[in-house]
């Protein structure tokens, strides 16, 4: 081949080279675009999964609290450390829930950091870290949520009466009320509480429900005490500085250092009216179940309803009469 041929070949190569470079660049750009598209898809999927895990953690948390309360109600045995016990059960259920995503090539975890009291005693707070990873895309969320104790889909039983009265006779559940039979009177008698007989066949709420009469002095703002009667008939609970929180109720504590709740324990109706000097343990659950010292004090008889045959009453001390607007 002469010099002219070499020159032509080199010239042809130089003409084709930019085409190859352009093709290589296009392939590289397409690869980058695919990676970007895949990363975008992964990021969107991770966001959806993170939101799904977060939403379901609240539902699963409610189930754990409900099951814990039912187990105590059925057994009568308190939890030794309710916060750790619930945290462990919560973690097991979240591990099982998160494992379903592995089939889609995703690594999903929800680490429960802790379960504790909320500022509102009708909520329980939990903190967790949700981590979702797919390919090279990863997201980590630190979350804190409150689980409502009064959600209608997952009603929570009050476990405290079943722990306190376990060894004092038969108790029954009728609808949404706890019927103590002789158990509460025997419990009070075993502690040497005077006038324990007033609570033979007493009742109290089974489920924790927040009272809508707020401020609480609305209970006594009518002479017919209709608000107080509605509260009692519906089995409402009230915020209390002295009452036990839900997590401590699971441990059998009638009082605790946390911001808690209280409800009325209702003596049976009577066909006769006694004189106004009649006294018995104050009809507030943290008073009746306070076996830590002298916390079970007396209250004066308060009549709040007469149905034509029977008188319905509470026994309230001055502090609780004042709290609920009933102090005369």
Protein backbone atom coordinates (compact mmCIF):
# COMPACT_ATOMS: atom_id res chain seq x y z
CA UNK A 1 0.00 0.00 0.00
CA UNK A 2 1.43 3.40 -0.96
CA UNK A 3 1.50 6.48 1.22
CA UNK A 4 -1.71 7.70 -0.31
CA UNK A 5 -3.54 4.59 0.91
CA UNK A 6 -2.25 5.01 4.44
CA UNK A 7 -3.39 8.59 4.46
CA UNK A 8 -6.88 7.55 3.31
CA UNK A 9 -7.15 4.89 6.05
CA UNK A 10 -6.06 7.30 8.71
CA UNK A 11 -8.47 9.88 7.40
CA UNK A 12 -11.32 7.34 7.41
CA UNK A 13 -10.49 6.32 10.98
CA UNK A 14 -10.49 9.91 12.09
CA UNK A 15 -13.92 10.35 10.53
CA UNK A 16 -15.34 7.23 12.27
CA UNK A 17 -13.72 7.90 15.69
CA UNK A 18 -16.09 10.71 16.70
CA UNK A 19 -19.00 8.40 15.90
CA UNK A 20 -17.62 5.74 18.27
CA UNK A 21 -16.96 8.36 20.94
CA UNK A 22 -20.50 9.68 20.49
CA UNK A 23 -21.97 6.18 20.76
CA UNK A 24 -19.93 5.42 23.89
CA UNK A 25 -21.07 8.72 25.42
CA UNK A 26 -24.69 7.97 24.57
CA UNK A 27 -24.45 4.51 26.13
CA UNK A 28 -22.87 6.01 29.25
CA UNK A 29 -25.55 8.69 29.48
CA UNK A 30 -28.29 6.09 29.03
CA UNK A 31 -26.72 3.99 31.77
CA UNK A 32 -26.62 6.97 34.07
CA UNK A 33 -30.22 7.81 33.24
CA UNK A 34 -31.26 4.23 34.03
CA UNK A 35 -29.40 4.41 37.32
CA UNK A 36 -31.07 7.71 38.12
CA UNK A 37 -34.48 6.32 37.17
CA UNK A 38 -33.86 3.20 39.28
CA UNK A 39 -32.65 5.30 42.17
CA UNK A 40 -35.75 7.49 41.86
CA UNK A 41 -37.99 4.42 41.80
CA UNK A 42 -36.18 2.97 44.82
CA UNK A 43 -36.44 6.27 46.65
CA UNK A 44 -40.19 6.49 46.01
CA UNK A 45 -40.71 2.87 47.06
CA UNK A 46 -38.66 3.42 50.22
CA UNK A 47 -40.75 6.49 51.06
CA UNK A 48 -44.00 4.52 50.65
CA UNK A 49 -42.69 1.63 52.76
CA UNK A 50 -41.44 3.99 55.49
CA UNK A 51 -44.88 5.58 55.72
CA UNK A 52 -46.53 2.15 55.79
CA UNK A 53 -44.30 0.92 58.62
CA UNK A 54 -44.86 4.12 60.59
CA UNK A 55 -48.66 3.93 60.26
CA UNK A 56 -48.79 0.23 61.11
CA UNK A 57 -46.52 0.68 64.13
CA UNK A 58 -49.27 2.74 65.79
CA UNK A 59 -51.87 0.03 65.10
CA UNK A 60 -49.56 -2.75 66.27
CA UNK A 61 -48.74 -0.73 69.39
CA UNK A 62 -52.45 -0.53 70.24
CA UNK A 63 -52.76 -4.28 69.78
CA UNK A 64 -49.84 -4.89 72.14
CA UNK A 65 -51.36 -2.65 74.83
CA UNK A 66 -54.77 -4.27 74.42
CA UNK A 67 -53.34 -7.78 74.65
CA UNK A 68 -51.29 -6.84 77.72
CA UNK A 69 -54.36 -5.52 79.52
CA UNK A 70 -56.44 -8.60 78.55
CA UNK A 71 -53.73 -10.97 79.78
CA UNK A 72 -53.65 -9.25 83.16
CA UNK A 73 -57.45 -9.15 83.37
CA UNK A 74 -57.69 -12.88 82.63
CA UNK A 75 -54.86 -13.96 84.91
CA UNK A 76 -54.97 -11.39 87.69
CA UNK A 77 -51.17 -11.33 87.72
CA UNK A 78 -49.39 -7.97 87.36
CA UNK A 79 -46.50 -7.29 85.01
CA UNK A 80 -43.19 -6.89 86.83
CA UNK A 81 -41.97 -4.22 84.40
CA UNK A 82 -44.73 -3.17 82.05
CA UNK A 83 -42.60 -0.80 79.99
CA UNK A 84 -39.96 -3.42 79.16
CA UNK A 85 -42.52 -6.18 78.68
CA UNK A 86 -44.57 -4.13 76.23
CA UNK A 87 -41.42 -2.92 74.47
CA UNK A 88 -40.28 -6.53 73.92
CA UNK A 89 -43.69 -7.66 72.64
CA UNK A 90 -43.88 -4.59 70.42
CA UNK A 91 -40.43 -5.33 68.97
CA UNK A 92 -41.32 -8.94 68.16
CA UNK A 93 -44.46 -7.90 66.30
CA UNK A 94 -42.64 -5.18 64.38
CA UNK A 95 -39.86 -7.62 63.39
CA UNK A 96 -42.51 -9.96 62.00
CA UNK A 97 -44.26 -7.13 60.17
CA UNK A 98 -41.04 -5.78 58.61
CA UNK A 99 -39.91 -9.21 57.42
CA UNK A 100 -42.63 -9.24 54.75
CA UNK A 101 -40.72 -6.66 52.70
CA UNK A 102 -37.69 -8.92 52.14
CA UNK A 103 -39.54 -10.61 49.25
CA UNK A 104 -39.30 -7.29 47.38
CA UNK A 105 -35.56 -7.05 47.86
CA UNK A 106 -35.87 -4.54 50.69
CA UNK A 107 -34.18 -4.51 54.08
CA UNK A 108 -36.68 -3.00 56.56
CA UNK A 109 -36.33 -2.67 60.32
CA UNK A 110 -38.21 -0.83 63.05
CA UNK A 111 -36.26 -0.65 66.28
CA UNK A 112 -38.45 0.15 69.29
CA UNK A 113 -36.35 2.41 71.49
CA UNK A 114 -38.77 2.68 74.37
CA UNK A 115 -42.36 2.69 75.65
CA UNK A 116 -43.25 5.21 78.33
CA UNK A 117 -45.73 7.70 79.70
CA UNK A 118 -47.00 10.57 77.59
CA UNK A 119 -47.78 14.07 78.85
CA UNK A 120 -51.42 13.07 78.40
CA UNK A 121 -52.27 10.10 80.68
CA UNK A 122 -54.74 8.85 78.07
CA UNK A 123 -51.83 8.17 75.71
CA UNK A 124 -48.74 5.99 75.83
CA UNK A 125 -45.65 7.24 74.00
CA UNK A 126 -43.26 5.09 72.00
CA UNK A 127 -40.07 6.02 70.18
CA UNK A 128 -38.53 4.06 67.32
CA UNK A 129 -36.08 4.15 64.42
CA UNK A 130 -37.37 2.98 61.03
CA UNK A 131 -34.70 2.00 58.48
CA UNK A 132 -35.57 1.08 54.89
CA UNK A 133 -32.90 0.11 52.35
CA UNK A 134 -33.01 -1.06 48.74
CA UNK A 135 -29.96 -1.22 46.50
CA UNK A 136 -27.81 1.79 47.25
CA UNK A 137 -30.76 3.87 48.51
CA UNK A 138 -31.39 4.05 52.24
CA UNK A 139 -33.65 6.04 54.55
CA UNK A 140 -33.63 6.26 58.34
CA UNK A 141 -36.41 7.90 60.38
CA UNK A 142 -36.46 8.74 64.07
CA UNK A 143 -40.10 8.87 65.15
CA UNK A 144 -42.09 9.47 68.32
CA UNK A 145 -45.79 8.69 68.48
CA UNK A 146 -48.58 8.60 71.04
CA UNK A 147 -50.88 5.58 71.19
CA UNK A 148 -54.36 6.50 72.38
CA UNK A 149 -55.76 4.42 75.24
CA UNK A 150 -59.29 5.40 74.26
CA UNK A 151 -59.39 4.31 70.61
CA UNK A 152 -62.75 2.67 69.96
CA UNK A 153 -61.34 -0.05 67.68
CA UNK A 154 -58.99 -1.29 70.40
CA UNK A 155 -60.74 -0.74 73.77
CA UNK A 156 -58.37 -1.16 76.67
CA UNK A 157 -59.48 -2.82 79.89
CA UNK A 158 -58.48 -1.39 83.25
CA UNK A 159 -56.33 -4.19 84.71
CA UNK A 160 -55.98 -2.76 88.23
CA UNK A 161 -59.20 -4.10 89.86
CA UNK A 162 -58.45 -7.64 88.70
CA UNK A 163 -55.00 -7.55 90.28
CA UNK A 164 -56.17 -6.06 93.58
CA UNK A 165 -59.17 -8.33 94.06
CA UNK A 166 -57.73 -11.54 92.60
CA UNK A 167 -57.56 -13.47 95.88
CA UNK A 168 -60.71 -12.04 97.45
CA UNK A 169 -63.56 -13.83 95.73
CA UNK A 170 -65.34 -14.00 92.41
CA UNK A 171 -65.55 -11.04 90.04
CA UNK A 172 -67.60 -10.88 86.84
CA UNK A 173 -67.68 -8.80 83.67
CA UNK A 174 -71.13 -7.70 82.55
CA UNK A 175 -71.10 -5.69 79.35
CA UNK A 176 -68.73 -2.80 79.95
CA UNK A 177 -68.73 -3.00 83.74
CA UNK A 178 -66.79 -4.90 86.39
CA UNK A 179 -69.10 -6.48 88.97
CA UNK A 180 -67.16 -7.13 92.16
CA UNK A 181 -69.62 -9.31 94.07
CA UNK A 182 -68.02 -9.71 97.51
CA UNK A 183 -64.43 -9.42 96.28
CA UNK A 184 -63.96 -5.66 96.77
CA UNK A 185 -65.56 -5.66 100.22
CA UNK A 186 -63.33 -8.60 101.23
CA UNK A 187 -60.27 -6.82 99.84
CA UNK A 188 -61.03 -3.73 101.93
CA UNK A 189 -61.82 -5.85 104.99
CA UNK A 190 -58.49 -7.68 104.65
CA UNK A 191 -56.77 -4.31 104.97
CA UNK A 192 -58.78 -3.31 108.04
CA UNK A 193 -60.75 -0.56 106.26
CA UNK A 194 -63.86 0.58 108.16
CA UNK A 195 -67.32 0.37 106.59
CA UNK A 196 -66.06 -1.98 103.87
CA UNK A 197 -69.61 -3.39 103.62
CA UNK A 198 -70.65 -0.37 101.56
CA UNK A 199 -68.84 -1.92 98.57
CA UNK A 200 -70.57 -5.30 98.61
CA UNK A 201 -71.75 -5.78 94.99
CA UNK A 202 -70.05 -2.58 93.80
CA UNK A 203 -69.27 -1.92 90.12
CA UNK A 204 -66.75 0.10 88.10
CA UNK A 205 -65.90 0.67 84.40
CA UNK A 206 -64.17 -2.08 82.44
CA UNK A 207 -62.81 0.05 79.58
CA UNK A 208 -60.80 3.26 79.82
CA UNK A 209 -62.83 6.12 78.33
CA UNK A 210 -62.02 9.80 78.70
CA UNK A 211 -64.69 11.96 80.31
CA UNK A 212 -66.03 14.74 78.04
CA UNK A 213 -67.21 16.90 80.96
CA UNK A 214 -64.21 19.18 81.08
CA UNK A 215 -63.68 21.25 83.19
CA UNK A 216 -64.64 18.65 85.74
CA UNK A 217 -66.77 20.98 87.86
CA UNK A 218 -69.40 20.55 85.12
CA UNK A 219 -70.30 17.27 86.83
CA UNK A 220 -72.10 19.23 89.54
CA UNK A 221 -73.35 22.31 87.72
CA UNK A 222 -77.00 21.14 87.85
CA UNK A 223 -79.12 20.36 90.87
CA UNK A 224 -80.31 17.09 89.33
CA UNK A 225 -76.65 15.96 88.93
CA UNK A 226 -77.46 14.64 85.45
CA UNK A 227 -73.88 15.16 84.25
CA UNK A 228 -72.52 13.15 87.15
CA UNK A 229 -75.02 10.38 86.42
CA UNK A 230 -74.12 10.33 82.72
CA UNK A 231 -70.44 10.15 83.61
CA UNK A 232 -71.02 7.22 85.95
CA UNK A 233 -73.37 5.42 83.54
CA UNK A 234 -70.80 5.71 80.74
CA UNK A 235 -67.88 4.69 82.92
CA UNK A 236 -65.65 7.67 82.23
CA UNK A 237 -62.12 8.26 83.54
CA UNK A 238 -60.57 11.56 84.59
CA UNK A 239 -57.09 13.04 84.66
CA UNK A 240 -55.62 12.83 88.16
CA UNK A 241 -52.41 13.84 89.92
CA UNK A 242 -52.95 11.01 92.42
CA UNK A 243 -54.36 8.22 90.23
CA UNK A 244 -52.13 5.59 88.64
CA UNK A 245 -51.15 5.77 84.98
CA UNK A 246 -52.05 2.89 82.65
CA UNK A 247 -48.55 1.38 82.61
CA UNK A 248 -48.40 1.33 86.41
CA UNK A 249 -51.92 -0.12 86.58
CA UNK A 250 -50.56 -3.08 84.63
CA UNK A 251 -48.09 -3.51 87.49
CA UNK A 252 -50.84 -3.49 90.13
CA UNK A 253 -50.10 -0.03 91.48
CA UNK A 254 -53.08 1.96 92.73
CA UNK A 255 -50.99 5.12 92.89
CA UNK A 256 -47.78 6.13 91.11
CA UNK A 257 -45.52 9.17 90.62
CA UNK A 258 -46.75 9.76 87.06
CA UNK A 259 -49.60 11.90 85.80
CA UNK A 260 -52.44 9.39 85.90
CA UNK A 261 -56.19 8.88 85.89
CA UNK A 262 -59.08 8.05 88.20
CA UNK A 263 -62.62 6.73 87.96
CA UNK A 264 -65.53 6.15 90.33
CA UNK A 265 -66.21 2.81 91.98
CA UNK A 266 -69.96 2.68 92.48
CA UNK A 267 -71.61 1.22 95.59
CA UNK A 268 -74.83 -0.72 94.90
CA UNK A 269 -78.11 1.23 94.89
CA UNK A 270 -80.14 1.04 98.10
CA UNK A 271 -83.91 1.07 98.67
CA UNK A 272 -83.42 3.24 101.75
CA UNK A 273 -81.80 6.59 102.28
CA UNK A 274 -79.34 6.88 105.13
CA UNK A 275 -78.56 10.06 107.00
CA UNK A 276 -76.01 12.45 105.57
CA UNK A 277 -73.41 11.57 108.21
CA UNK A 278 -72.96 8.10 106.69
CA UNK A 279 -69.35 7.51 105.66
CA UNK A 280 -67.40 4.85 103.78
CA UNK A 281 -64.14 4.74 101.77
CA UNK A 282 -64.17 7.51 99.16
CA UNK A 283 -65.51 6.14 95.85
CA UNK A 284 -62.42 7.03 93.79
CA UNK A 285 -60.36 4.09 92.59
CA UNK A 286 -56.95 5.40 93.67
CA UNK A 287 -58.36 5.93 97.18
CA UNK A 288 -59.88 2.45 97.42
CA UNK A 289 -56.87 0.68 95.86
CA UNK A 290 -54.21 2.70 97.70
CA UNK A 291 -52.70 0.01 99.93
CA UNK A 292 -49.36 1.81 100.36
CA UNK A 293 -50.29 3.52 103.65
CA UNK A 294 -53.16 5.68 104.84
CA UNK A 295 -54.34 6.52 101.33
CA UNK A 296 -57.78 4.92 101.74
CA UNK A 297 -59.73 7.67 103.50
CA UNK A 298 -63.44 8.18 104.05
CA UNK A 299 -65.99 10.16 102.13
CA UNK A 300 -69.49 11.44 102.87
CA UNK A 301 -72.53 9.88 101.27
CA UNK A 302 -73.66 11.76 98.15
CA UNK A 303 -76.98 10.88 96.52
CA UNK A 304 -77.05 11.56 92.80
CA UNK A 305 -80.15 9.73 91.49
CA UNK A 306 -83.43 8.13 92.58
CA UNK A 307 -85.30 5.94 90.11
CA UNK A 308 -88.50 5.64 92.17
CA UNK A 309 -87.31 2.49 93.94
CA UNK A 310 -83.62 2.81 94.72
CA UNK A 311 -81.18 5.54 95.71
CA UNK A 312 -77.87 5.77 93.83
CA UNK A 313 -74.91 7.19 95.73
CA UNK A 314 -71.20 7.80 95.98
CA UNK A 315 -68.94 8.46 98.94
CA UNK A 316 -66.73 11.47 98.27
CA UNK A 317 -64.23 13.42 100.35
CA UNK A 318 -64.17 17.21 100.22
CA UNK A 319 -61.29 17.38 97.74
CA UNK A 320 -63.07 15.24 95.15
CA UNK A 321 -66.42 16.93 95.77
CA UNK A 322 -64.70 20.21 95.00
CA UNK A 323 -62.92 18.80 91.93
CA UNK A 324 -66.20 17.66 90.39
CA UNK A 325 -68.24 20.73 91.40
CA UNK A 326 -70.27 18.79 93.99
CA UNK A 327 -69.19 20.54 97.17
CA UNK A 328 -72.17 22.15 98.90
